N, C-alpha and C. Protein backbone atom coordinates (compact mmCIF):
# COMPACT_ATOMS: atom_id res chain seq x y z
N MET A 1 1.55 14.45 16.88
CA MET A 1 1.59 13.31 17.79
C MET A 1 2.40 12.15 17.20
N ILE A 2 2.22 11.89 15.91
CA ILE A 2 2.90 10.75 15.30
C ILE A 2 4.42 10.91 15.35
N GLU A 3 4.90 12.12 15.14
CA GLU A 3 6.36 12.34 15.18
C GLU A 3 6.91 12.14 16.58
N LEU A 4 6.17 12.58 17.58
CA LEU A 4 6.57 12.37 18.97
C LEU A 4 6.64 10.87 19.28
N LEU A 5 5.64 10.13 18.86
CA LEU A 5 5.61 8.69 19.10
C LEU A 5 6.71 7.97 18.33
N LYS A 6 6.97 8.40 17.11
CA LYS A 6 8.07 7.80 16.33
C LYS A 6 9.40 7.96 17.07
N LYS A 7 9.64 9.16 17.58
CA LYS A 7 10.89 9.40 18.32
C LYS A 7 10.96 8.54 19.57
N GLU A 8 9.85 8.41 20.25
CA GLU A 8 9.78 7.58 21.46
C GLU A 8 10.09 6.11 21.12
N VAL A 9 9.50 5.62 20.05
CA VAL A 9 9.72 4.23 19.63
C VAL A 9 11.16 4.03 19.16
N GLU A 10 11.67 4.97 18.38
CA GLU A 10 13.06 4.88 17.91
C GLU A 10 14.03 4.81 19.09
N GLU A 11 13.78 5.62 20.10
CA GLU A 11 14.64 5.60 21.29
C GLU A 11 14.52 4.27 22.03
N LYS A 12 13.30 3.81 22.20
CA LYS A 12 13.07 2.56 22.95
C LYS A 12 13.68 1.35 22.23
N LEU A 13 13.64 1.35 20.90
CA LEU A 13 14.11 0.19 20.13
C LEU A 13 15.51 0.39 19.53
N LYS A 14 16.23 1.39 20.01
CA LYS A 14 17.55 1.68 19.42
C LYS A 14 18.52 0.50 19.53
N ASN A 15 18.36 -0.35 20.52
CA ASN A 15 19.22 -1.53 20.66
C ASN A 15 18.66 -2.76 19.95
N HIS A 16 17.55 -2.56 19.25
CA HIS A 16 16.90 -3.65 18.50
C HIS A 16 16.63 -3.16 17.08
N PRO A 17 17.69 -2.97 16.29
CA PRO A 17 17.53 -2.35 14.96
C PRO A 17 16.61 -3.14 14.02
N ASN A 18 16.61 -4.45 14.09
CA ASN A 18 15.72 -5.23 13.22
C ASN A 18 14.26 -5.02 13.59
N ARG A 19 13.98 -4.92 14.89
CA ARG A 19 12.60 -4.67 15.33
C ARG A 19 12.18 -3.27 14.91
N LEU A 20 13.07 -2.30 15.03
CA LEU A 20 12.74 -0.95 14.61
C LEU A 20 12.46 -0.91 13.11
N LEU A 21 13.27 -1.60 12.34
CA LEU A 21 13.05 -1.69 10.89
C LEU A 21 11.68 -2.31 10.60
N HIS A 22 11.33 -3.34 11.36
CA HIS A 22 10.02 -3.98 11.21
C HIS A 22 8.90 -2.99 11.53
N VAL A 23 9.01 -2.29 12.64
CA VAL A 23 7.97 -1.34 13.06
C VAL A 23 7.78 -0.26 12.00
N LEU A 24 8.88 0.27 11.48
CA LEU A 24 8.78 1.30 10.45
C LEU A 24 8.18 0.73 9.16
N GLY A 25 8.48 -0.54 8.86
CA GLY A 25 7.87 -1.20 7.71
C GLY A 25 6.37 -1.40 7.90
N VAL A 26 5.96 -1.77 9.11
CA VAL A 26 4.53 -1.90 9.41
C VAL A 26 3.85 -0.55 9.25
N TYR A 27 4.49 0.50 9.74
CA TYR A 27 3.94 1.84 9.62
C TYR A 27 3.71 2.21 8.15
N GLU A 28 4.72 2.06 7.33
CA GLU A 28 4.60 2.42 5.91
C GLU A 28 3.52 1.59 5.21
N THR A 29 3.50 0.30 5.49
CA THR A 29 2.52 -0.59 4.86
C THR A 29 1.11 -0.24 5.31
N ALA A 30 0.94 -0.01 6.60
CA ALA A 30 -0.39 0.29 7.14
C ALA A 30 -0.93 1.61 6.59
N VAL A 31 -0.08 2.61 6.49
CA VAL A 31 -0.53 3.90 5.95
C VAL A 31 -0.96 3.75 4.49
N LYS A 32 -0.22 2.96 3.72
CA LYS A 32 -0.61 2.73 2.31
C LYS A 32 -1.95 2.01 2.23
N LEU A 33 -2.15 1.01 3.08
CA LEU A 33 -3.43 0.29 3.07
C LEU A 33 -4.57 1.19 3.56
N ALA A 34 -4.30 2.03 4.55
CA ALA A 34 -5.31 2.97 5.04
C ALA A 34 -5.73 3.92 3.92
N ARG A 35 -4.76 4.39 3.17
CA ARG A 35 -5.04 5.28 2.04
C ARG A 35 -5.91 4.55 1.01
N HIS A 36 -5.56 3.31 0.72
CA HIS A 36 -6.31 2.51 -0.25
C HIS A 36 -7.76 2.31 0.21
N TYR A 37 -7.95 2.03 1.49
CA TYR A 37 -9.29 1.77 2.02
C TYR A 37 -9.97 3.02 2.58
N GLN A 38 -9.33 4.16 2.40
CA GLN A 38 -9.87 5.47 2.76
C GLN A 38 -10.28 5.55 4.24
N ILE A 39 -9.36 5.14 5.10
CA ILE A 39 -9.58 5.33 6.53
C ILE A 39 -8.47 6.24 7.07
N ASP A 40 -8.64 6.70 8.27
CA ASP A 40 -7.77 7.70 8.88
C ASP A 40 -6.31 7.22 8.97
N GLU A 41 -5.44 7.88 8.22
CA GLU A 41 -4.03 7.50 8.17
C GLU A 41 -3.29 7.84 9.47
N VAL A 42 -3.72 8.87 10.16
CA VAL A 42 -3.07 9.23 11.43
C VAL A 42 -3.36 8.17 12.48
N LYS A 43 -4.62 7.77 12.59
CA LYS A 43 -4.97 6.72 13.56
C LYS A 43 -4.20 5.43 13.26
N ILE A 44 -4.21 5.03 12.01
CA ILE A 44 -3.54 3.78 11.65
C ILE A 44 -2.03 3.91 11.87
N GLY A 45 -1.49 5.09 11.62
CA GLY A 45 -0.07 5.32 11.84
C GLY A 45 0.33 5.21 13.30
N ILE A 46 -0.50 5.74 14.18
CA ILE A 46 -0.22 5.64 15.61
C ILE A 46 -0.24 4.18 16.05
N SER A 47 -1.25 3.44 15.63
CA SER A 47 -1.32 2.00 15.97
C SER A 47 -0.08 1.27 15.47
N ALA A 48 0.28 1.54 14.23
CA ALA A 48 1.40 0.83 13.61
C ALA A 48 2.72 1.12 14.33
N ILE A 49 2.96 2.37 14.60
CA ILE A 49 4.25 2.75 15.18
C ILE A 49 4.39 2.25 16.62
N PHE A 50 3.26 2.02 17.30
CA PHE A 50 3.30 1.65 18.71
C PHE A 50 3.02 0.17 18.96
N HIS A 51 2.72 -0.61 17.92
CA HIS A 51 2.22 -1.98 18.13
C HIS A 51 3.19 -2.90 18.86
N ASP A 52 4.48 -2.71 18.71
CA ASP A 52 5.48 -3.56 19.38
C ASP A 52 6.26 -2.79 20.45
N TYR A 53 5.69 -1.74 20.97
CA TYR A 53 6.40 -0.85 21.89
C TYR A 53 6.97 -1.58 23.10
N THR A 54 6.23 -2.51 23.67
CA THR A 54 6.69 -3.21 24.88
C THR A 54 7.24 -4.60 24.59
N LYS A 55 7.50 -4.90 23.34
CA LYS A 55 7.94 -6.24 22.93
C LYS A 55 9.16 -6.74 23.70
N TYR A 56 10.09 -5.87 23.99
CA TYR A 56 11.33 -6.28 24.66
C TYR A 56 11.34 -5.91 26.15
N ASP A 57 10.22 -5.44 26.66
CA ASP A 57 10.14 -5.19 28.10
C ASP A 57 10.12 -6.52 28.84
N ALA A 58 10.62 -6.51 30.05
CA ALA A 58 10.56 -7.72 30.88
C ALA A 58 9.09 -8.11 31.07
N MET A 59 8.85 -9.40 31.16
CA MET A 59 7.48 -9.88 31.36
C MET A 59 6.85 -9.22 32.59
N SER A 60 7.64 -9.05 33.63
CA SER A 60 7.12 -8.42 34.86
C SER A 60 6.68 -6.97 34.59
N ASP A 61 7.36 -6.28 33.70
CA ASP A 61 6.96 -4.92 33.34
C ASP A 61 5.71 -4.92 32.47
N GLN A 62 5.61 -5.86 31.56
CA GLN A 62 4.41 -5.95 30.72
C GLN A 62 3.18 -6.23 31.58
N ILE A 63 3.32 -7.15 32.52
CA ILE A 63 2.19 -7.56 33.35
C ILE A 63 1.66 -6.42 34.21
N LYS A 64 2.51 -5.49 34.57
CA LYS A 64 2.08 -4.34 35.39
C LYS A 64 0.95 -3.55 34.73
N TRP A 65 0.91 -3.60 33.41
CA TRP A 65 -0.10 -2.84 32.67
C TRP A 65 -1.40 -3.61 32.47
N LEU A 66 -1.41 -4.89 32.79
CA LEU A 66 -2.55 -5.76 32.47
C LEU A 66 -3.49 -5.95 33.65
N THR A 67 -4.73 -6.27 33.33
CA THR A 67 -5.69 -6.64 34.36
C THR A 67 -5.43 -8.09 34.77
N LYS A 68 -5.94 -8.46 35.92
CA LYS A 68 -5.80 -9.86 36.37
C LYS A 68 -6.44 -10.80 35.36
N GLU A 69 -7.58 -10.38 34.81
CA GLU A 69 -8.27 -11.21 33.82
C GLU A 69 -7.39 -11.45 32.59
N GLU A 70 -6.73 -10.41 32.10
CA GLU A 70 -5.85 -10.54 30.94
C GLU A 70 -4.66 -11.45 31.23
N ILE A 71 -4.10 -11.31 32.41
CA ILE A 71 -2.96 -12.15 32.79
C ILE A 71 -3.36 -13.62 32.80
N VAL A 72 -4.50 -13.91 33.41
CA VAL A 72 -4.98 -15.30 33.48
C VAL A 72 -5.37 -15.80 32.10
N ARG A 73 -6.09 -14.98 31.36
CA ARG A 73 -6.59 -15.40 30.04
C ARG A 73 -5.46 -15.81 29.09
N TYR A 74 -4.34 -15.10 29.16
CA TYR A 74 -3.24 -15.36 28.22
C TYR A 74 -2.01 -15.97 28.89
N LYS A 75 -2.21 -16.56 30.06
CA LYS A 75 -1.09 -17.17 30.79
C LYS A 75 -0.35 -18.20 29.94
N THR A 76 -1.09 -18.97 29.17
CA THR A 76 -0.50 -19.99 28.30
C THR A 76 0.09 -19.37 27.03
N TYR A 77 -0.31 -18.14 26.72
CA TYR A 77 0.13 -17.45 25.50
C TYR A 77 0.66 -16.06 25.86
N PRO A 78 1.76 -15.98 26.62
CA PRO A 78 2.25 -14.67 27.07
C PRO A 78 2.73 -13.76 25.94
N VAL A 79 2.81 -14.27 24.72
CA VAL A 79 3.14 -13.43 23.57
C VAL A 79 2.11 -12.29 23.44
N MET A 80 0.91 -12.51 23.96
CA MET A 80 -0.14 -11.49 23.90
C MET A 80 0.12 -10.32 24.83
N TYR A 81 0.92 -10.54 25.86
CA TYR A 81 1.14 -9.49 26.85
C TYR A 81 1.71 -8.22 26.24
N HIS A 82 2.62 -8.34 25.27
CA HIS A 82 3.21 -7.13 24.70
C HIS A 82 2.18 -6.30 23.93
N ALA A 83 1.23 -6.97 23.30
CA ALA A 83 0.20 -6.25 22.55
C ALA A 83 -0.73 -5.49 23.51
N LEU A 84 -1.15 -6.17 24.54
CA LEU A 84 -2.06 -5.56 25.51
C LEU A 84 -1.37 -4.45 26.30
N SER A 85 -0.12 -4.69 26.69
CA SER A 85 0.59 -3.67 27.47
C SER A 85 0.95 -2.46 26.62
N ALA A 86 1.28 -2.66 25.36
CA ALA A 86 1.58 -1.51 24.48
C ALA A 86 0.36 -0.61 24.34
N ALA A 87 -0.80 -1.20 24.17
CA ALA A 87 -2.03 -0.41 24.07
C ALA A 87 -2.30 0.36 25.36
N LYS A 88 -2.06 -0.30 26.48
CA LYS A 88 -2.29 0.35 27.78
C LYS A 88 -1.30 1.49 28.02
N VAL A 89 -0.04 1.31 27.62
CA VAL A 89 0.95 2.38 27.75
C VAL A 89 0.51 3.59 26.91
N LEU A 90 0.08 3.33 25.70
CA LEU A 90 -0.37 4.41 24.82
C LEU A 90 -1.57 5.14 25.43
N GLU A 91 -2.49 4.37 25.99
CA GLU A 91 -3.69 4.96 26.59
C GLU A 91 -3.34 5.79 27.83
N MET A 92 -2.56 5.22 28.73
CA MET A 92 -2.30 5.87 30.01
C MET A 92 -1.22 6.96 29.93
N THR A 93 -0.21 6.76 29.12
CA THR A 93 0.89 7.72 29.04
C THR A 93 0.57 8.88 28.10
N TYR A 94 -0.12 8.58 27.01
CA TYR A 94 -0.38 9.61 26.00
C TYR A 94 -1.85 10.01 25.92
N ASN A 95 -2.65 9.51 26.86
CA ASN A 95 -4.06 9.89 26.97
C ASN A 95 -4.83 9.66 25.67
N ILE A 96 -4.53 8.54 25.02
CA ILE A 96 -5.24 8.16 23.79
C ILE A 96 -6.25 7.08 24.15
N HIS A 97 -7.52 7.39 23.91
CA HIS A 97 -8.60 6.47 24.29
C HIS A 97 -9.40 5.99 23.09
N ASP A 98 -8.98 6.35 21.90
CA ASP A 98 -9.70 5.99 20.68
C ASP A 98 -9.50 4.50 20.37
N GLN A 99 -10.60 3.76 20.36
CA GLN A 99 -10.52 2.31 20.12
C GLN A 99 -10.06 1.99 18.70
N ASP A 100 -10.24 2.91 17.76
CA ASP A 100 -9.71 2.69 16.41
C ASP A 100 -8.18 2.62 16.43
N ILE A 101 -7.57 3.19 17.46
CA ILE A 101 -6.11 3.16 17.62
C ILE A 101 -5.69 2.01 18.54
N LEU A 102 -6.38 1.85 19.65
CA LEU A 102 -5.97 0.87 20.67
C LEU A 102 -6.29 -0.58 20.28
N ASP A 103 -7.47 -0.82 19.74
CA ASP A 103 -7.86 -2.20 19.41
C ASP A 103 -6.92 -2.87 18.41
N PRO A 104 -6.46 -2.18 17.37
CA PRO A 104 -5.52 -2.84 16.44
C PRO A 104 -4.21 -3.27 17.11
N ILE A 105 -3.77 -2.50 18.09
CA ILE A 105 -2.55 -2.89 18.81
C ILE A 105 -2.83 -4.17 19.61
N LYS A 106 -3.96 -4.19 20.29
CA LYS A 106 -4.32 -5.35 21.12
C LYS A 106 -4.48 -6.63 20.31
N SER A 107 -4.99 -6.51 19.10
CA SER A 107 -5.33 -7.71 18.32
C SER A 107 -4.31 -8.06 17.24
N HIS A 108 -3.16 -7.39 17.22
CA HIS A 108 -2.23 -7.60 16.10
C HIS A 108 -1.50 -8.94 16.13
N VAL A 109 -1.46 -9.62 17.26
CA VAL A 109 -0.67 -10.85 17.35
C VAL A 109 -1.29 -11.97 16.53
N TRP A 110 -2.58 -12.26 16.73
CA TRP A 110 -3.21 -13.32 15.93
C TRP A 110 -4.60 -12.95 15.44
N GLY A 111 -4.97 -11.68 15.58
CA GLY A 111 -6.26 -11.24 15.10
C GLY A 111 -7.37 -11.68 16.03
N LYS A 112 -8.59 -11.48 15.58
CA LYS A 112 -9.77 -11.90 16.34
C LYS A 112 -10.95 -11.94 15.38
N LYS A 113 -12.07 -12.44 15.86
CA LYS A 113 -13.28 -12.46 15.04
C LYS A 113 -13.78 -11.03 14.85
N ALA A 114 -14.40 -10.77 13.72
CA ALA A 114 -15.09 -9.51 13.44
C ALA A 114 -14.22 -8.27 13.70
N MET A 115 -13.03 -8.27 13.14
CA MET A 115 -12.14 -7.12 13.31
C MET A 115 -12.65 -5.91 12.52
N SER A 116 -12.34 -4.73 13.05
CA SER A 116 -12.61 -3.50 12.32
C SER A 116 -11.60 -3.39 11.17
N MET A 117 -11.84 -2.46 10.27
CA MET A 117 -10.89 -2.24 9.18
C MET A 117 -9.52 -1.81 9.74
N TYR A 118 -9.53 -1.02 10.79
CA TYR A 118 -8.27 -0.61 11.42
C TYR A 118 -7.50 -1.83 11.93
N GLU A 119 -8.21 -2.74 12.60
CA GLU A 119 -7.57 -3.94 13.13
C GLU A 119 -7.02 -4.82 12.01
N LYS A 120 -7.81 -4.98 10.96
CA LYS A 120 -7.36 -5.81 9.83
C LYS A 120 -6.09 -5.24 9.21
N ILE A 121 -6.05 -3.94 9.04
CA ILE A 121 -4.89 -3.32 8.39
C ILE A 121 -3.62 -3.50 9.22
N ILE A 122 -3.71 -3.30 10.53
CA ILE A 122 -2.52 -3.49 11.37
C ILE A 122 -2.13 -4.96 11.40
N PHE A 123 -3.11 -5.84 11.53
CA PHE A 123 -2.83 -7.27 11.55
C PHE A 123 -2.10 -7.70 10.28
N ILE A 124 -2.62 -7.30 9.13
CA ILE A 124 -2.01 -7.67 7.85
C ILE A 124 -0.65 -7.00 7.66
N SER A 125 -0.54 -5.74 8.05
CA SER A 125 0.72 -5.01 7.87
C SER A 125 1.86 -5.63 8.66
N ASP A 126 1.54 -6.28 9.77
CA ASP A 126 2.56 -6.97 10.56
C ASP A 126 3.18 -8.11 9.75
N TYR A 127 2.45 -8.65 8.81
CA TYR A 127 2.94 -9.72 7.92
C TYR A 127 3.43 -9.16 6.59
N ALA A 128 2.78 -8.11 6.11
CA ALA A 128 3.02 -7.63 4.74
C ALA A 128 4.09 -6.56 4.64
N GLU A 129 4.67 -6.17 5.76
CA GLU A 129 5.73 -5.15 5.66
C GLU A 129 6.92 -5.76 4.92
N PRO A 130 7.61 -4.95 4.12
CA PRO A 130 8.58 -5.49 3.16
C PRO A 130 9.82 -6.15 3.74
N ASN A 131 10.06 -6.03 5.04
CA ASN A 131 11.27 -6.62 5.63
C ASN A 131 11.07 -8.05 6.12
N ARG A 132 9.87 -8.57 6.03
CA ARG A 132 9.60 -9.95 6.44
C ARG A 132 10.30 -10.89 5.46
N THR A 133 10.79 -12.02 5.97
CA THR A 133 11.55 -12.93 5.11
C THR A 133 11.06 -14.37 5.11
N PHE A 134 10.19 -14.76 6.05
CA PHE A 134 9.81 -16.18 6.09
C PHE A 134 8.59 -16.50 5.24
N PHE A 135 8.10 -15.53 4.48
CA PHE A 135 7.07 -15.72 3.46
C PHE A 135 7.12 -14.49 2.57
N ASP A 136 6.31 -14.44 1.54
CA ASP A 136 6.36 -13.31 0.60
C ASP A 136 5.43 -12.19 1.06
N PRO A 137 5.97 -11.14 1.67
CA PRO A 137 5.12 -10.06 2.16
C PRO A 137 4.42 -9.30 1.03
N HIS A 138 5.05 -9.24 -0.13
CA HIS A 138 4.45 -8.51 -1.26
C HIS A 138 3.19 -9.21 -1.75
N GLU A 139 3.20 -10.53 -1.71
CA GLU A 139 2.02 -11.30 -2.11
C GLU A 139 0.85 -11.01 -1.16
N ILE A 140 1.13 -10.94 0.13
CA ILE A 140 0.09 -10.64 1.12
C ILE A 140 -0.42 -9.21 0.92
N TYR A 141 0.48 -8.28 0.70
CA TYR A 141 0.09 -6.89 0.48
C TYR A 141 -0.80 -6.77 -0.76
N ASP A 142 -0.39 -7.40 -1.85
CA ASP A 142 -1.19 -7.35 -3.08
C ASP A 142 -2.57 -7.96 -2.87
N LEU A 143 -2.63 -9.06 -2.12
CA LEU A 143 -3.91 -9.68 -1.82
C LEU A 143 -4.77 -8.74 -0.97
N ALA A 144 -4.15 -8.06 -0.01
CA ALA A 144 -4.88 -7.14 0.86
C ALA A 144 -5.51 -6.00 0.07
N LEU A 145 -4.86 -5.58 -1.00
CA LEU A 145 -5.43 -4.52 -1.84
C LEU A 145 -6.69 -4.99 -2.57
N LYS A 146 -6.75 -6.29 -2.86
CA LYS A 146 -7.88 -6.85 -3.61
C LYS A 146 -8.98 -7.38 -2.69
N ASN A 147 -8.58 -8.08 -1.62
CA ASN A 147 -9.55 -8.73 -0.74
C ASN A 147 -8.95 -8.81 0.66
N ILE A 148 -9.29 -7.83 1.47
CA ILE A 148 -8.65 -7.74 2.79
C ILE A 148 -8.99 -8.92 3.69
N ASP A 149 -10.20 -9.45 3.58
CA ASP A 149 -10.56 -10.59 4.42
C ASP A 149 -9.79 -11.85 4.02
N GLN A 150 -9.55 -12.02 2.75
CA GLN A 150 -8.74 -13.15 2.29
C GLN A 150 -7.30 -13.00 2.80
N ALA A 151 -6.80 -11.78 2.80
CA ALA A 151 -5.45 -11.54 3.32
C ALA A 151 -5.38 -11.82 4.82
N VAL A 152 -6.42 -11.45 5.55
CA VAL A 152 -6.49 -11.77 6.99
C VAL A 152 -6.41 -13.28 7.18
N LEU A 153 -7.18 -14.01 6.41
CA LEU A 153 -7.21 -15.47 6.52
C LEU A 153 -5.83 -16.07 6.22
N VAL A 154 -5.17 -15.59 5.20
CA VAL A 154 -3.83 -16.09 4.85
C VAL A 154 -2.85 -15.83 6.00
N CYS A 155 -2.89 -14.65 6.58
CA CYS A 155 -1.99 -14.33 7.70
C CYS A 155 -2.28 -15.22 8.90
N MET A 156 -3.54 -15.45 9.19
CA MET A 156 -3.89 -16.34 10.30
C MET A 156 -3.38 -17.75 10.05
N LYS A 157 -3.52 -18.20 8.81
CA LYS A 157 -3.05 -19.56 8.47
C LYS A 157 -1.54 -19.67 8.61
N ILE A 158 -0.81 -18.64 8.22
CA ILE A 158 0.65 -18.65 8.37
C ILE A 158 1.03 -18.88 9.83
N THR A 159 0.36 -18.16 10.72
CA THR A 159 0.67 -18.28 12.15
C THR A 159 0.30 -19.65 12.69
N ILE A 160 -0.88 -20.13 12.35
CA ILE A 160 -1.33 -21.44 12.84
C ILE A 160 -0.42 -22.54 12.31
N ASP A 161 -0.09 -22.48 11.03
CA ASP A 161 0.82 -23.49 10.45
C ASP A 161 2.18 -23.46 11.13
N TYR A 162 2.68 -22.27 11.42
CA TYR A 162 3.97 -22.15 12.10
C TYR A 162 3.90 -22.81 13.48
N LEU A 163 2.85 -22.51 14.23
CA LEU A 163 2.72 -23.09 15.57
C LEU A 163 2.66 -24.61 15.51
N LEU A 164 1.88 -25.13 14.58
CA LEU A 164 1.76 -26.58 14.45
C LEU A 164 3.10 -27.21 14.06
N LYS A 165 3.82 -26.55 13.17
CA LYS A 165 5.15 -27.04 12.76
C LYS A 165 6.11 -27.10 13.95
N GLU A 166 5.96 -26.14 14.85
CA GLU A 166 6.81 -26.07 16.04
C GLU A 166 6.24 -26.89 17.21
N HIS A 167 5.21 -27.67 16.93
CA HIS A 167 4.56 -28.52 17.94
C HIS A 167 3.96 -27.71 19.09
N MET A 168 3.41 -26.56 18.73
CA MET A 168 2.71 -25.72 19.71
C MET A 168 1.25 -25.65 19.31
N ALA A 169 0.39 -25.54 20.28
CA ALA A 169 -1.05 -25.50 20.01
C ALA A 169 -1.51 -24.06 19.81
N PRO A 170 -2.23 -23.80 18.73
CA PRO A 170 -2.85 -22.48 18.59
C PRO A 170 -3.88 -22.28 19.70
N SER A 171 -4.13 -21.04 20.04
CA SER A 171 -5.12 -20.76 21.08
C SER A 171 -6.53 -20.97 20.52
N GLU A 172 -7.46 -21.19 21.42
CA GLU A 172 -8.87 -21.32 21.02
C GLU A 172 -9.33 -20.05 20.31
N GLU A 173 -8.89 -18.90 20.81
CA GLU A 173 -9.23 -17.61 20.21
C GLU A 173 -8.73 -17.53 18.77
N GLN A 174 -7.52 -18.00 18.53
CA GLN A 174 -6.96 -18.03 17.17
C GLN A 174 -7.79 -18.89 16.25
N LEU A 175 -8.12 -20.08 16.71
CA LEU A 175 -8.87 -21.02 15.88
C LEU A 175 -10.27 -20.49 15.58
N GLU A 176 -10.89 -19.85 16.56
CA GLU A 176 -12.22 -19.26 16.33
C GLU A 176 -12.14 -18.14 15.30
N ALA A 177 -11.10 -17.31 15.40
CA ALA A 177 -10.92 -16.22 14.43
C ALA A 177 -10.68 -16.78 13.03
N TYR A 178 -9.86 -17.81 12.95
CA TYR A 178 -9.57 -18.44 11.66
C TYR A 178 -10.85 -19.01 11.05
N GLN A 179 -11.66 -19.69 11.86
CA GLN A 179 -12.92 -20.24 11.37
C GLN A 179 -13.86 -19.12 10.92
N TYR A 180 -13.91 -18.05 11.68
CA TYR A 180 -14.75 -16.90 11.35
C TYR A 180 -14.37 -16.34 9.97
N TYR A 181 -13.07 -16.11 9.75
CA TYR A 181 -12.66 -15.53 8.47
C TYR A 181 -12.72 -16.54 7.32
N THR A 182 -12.67 -17.81 7.64
CA THR A 182 -12.94 -18.83 6.61
C THR A 182 -14.37 -18.67 6.12
N GLU A 183 -15.29 -18.49 7.07
CA GLU A 183 -16.70 -18.32 6.70
C GLU A 183 -16.95 -16.99 6.01
N VAL A 184 -16.26 -15.94 6.44
CA VAL A 184 -16.38 -14.63 5.77
C VAL A 184 -15.97 -14.75 4.31
N THR A 185 -14.83 -15.40 4.06
CA THR A 185 -14.32 -15.48 2.68
C THR A 185 -15.17 -16.41 1.82
N ARG A 186 -15.94 -17.27 2.44
CA ARG A 186 -16.86 -18.13 1.69
C ARG A 186 -18.23 -17.49 1.52
N GLY A 187 -18.40 -16.28 2.05
CA GLY A 187 -19.66 -15.57 1.90
C GLY A 187 -20.72 -15.96 2.91
N LYS A 188 -20.36 -16.74 3.92
CA LYS A 188 -21.34 -17.18 4.92
C LYS A 188 -21.58 -16.13 5.99
N ILE A 189 -20.64 -15.21 6.15
CA ILE A 189 -20.77 -14.12 7.12
C ILE A 189 -20.49 -12.83 6.38
N LYS A 190 -21.38 -11.86 6.55
CA LYS A 190 -21.19 -10.54 5.95
C LYS A 190 -20.61 -9.60 6.99
N GLN A 191 -19.66 -8.79 6.59
CA GLN A 191 -19.02 -7.85 7.49
C GLN A 191 -19.45 -6.43 7.17
N ASP A 192 -19.63 -5.62 8.21
CA ASP A 192 -19.86 -4.19 8.03
C ASP A 192 -18.54 -3.48 8.22
N TYR A 193 -18.23 -2.56 7.33
CA TYR A 193 -16.96 -1.83 7.47
C TYR A 193 -17.21 -0.44 7.94
């Protein structure tokens, strides 16, 4: 299945070589982290390879895959549409219903509270893949090997700081997730893996 999906993604992103390079970097990083944390490498690989599948689709095409609730919920943050639509394409086109695969795709943009290990790995790998240039991806990867929740928090902070620098407001969902992982890293919330 993974080889079929890789070919599909390579074909879809052939006119976006930097995005394809990013997706392949996320795949490699996520599989290494999955191996380190002893979770299913095939599941994590599918999520990684498909996470940006609809990134360059027209907004009207992305919306076709979404529920009315999702469209309204993220109307102010349409960057979320590609994550939600990619998961829906994978589910409906390839008959994949495993939430360990779909949820990481849905939550990769800014994370969420109480993420599964699969979600954390895809979220972090989106930042820690070696082709990123606006921060040190190797530092994030190394941190993820030692303390995955701390790495989640660092990635969330990078995004929030970027939005604030660009005079954009982070979403309430982002801020709640950031607060949640701040408390996790301080030992105030215990996570089950």
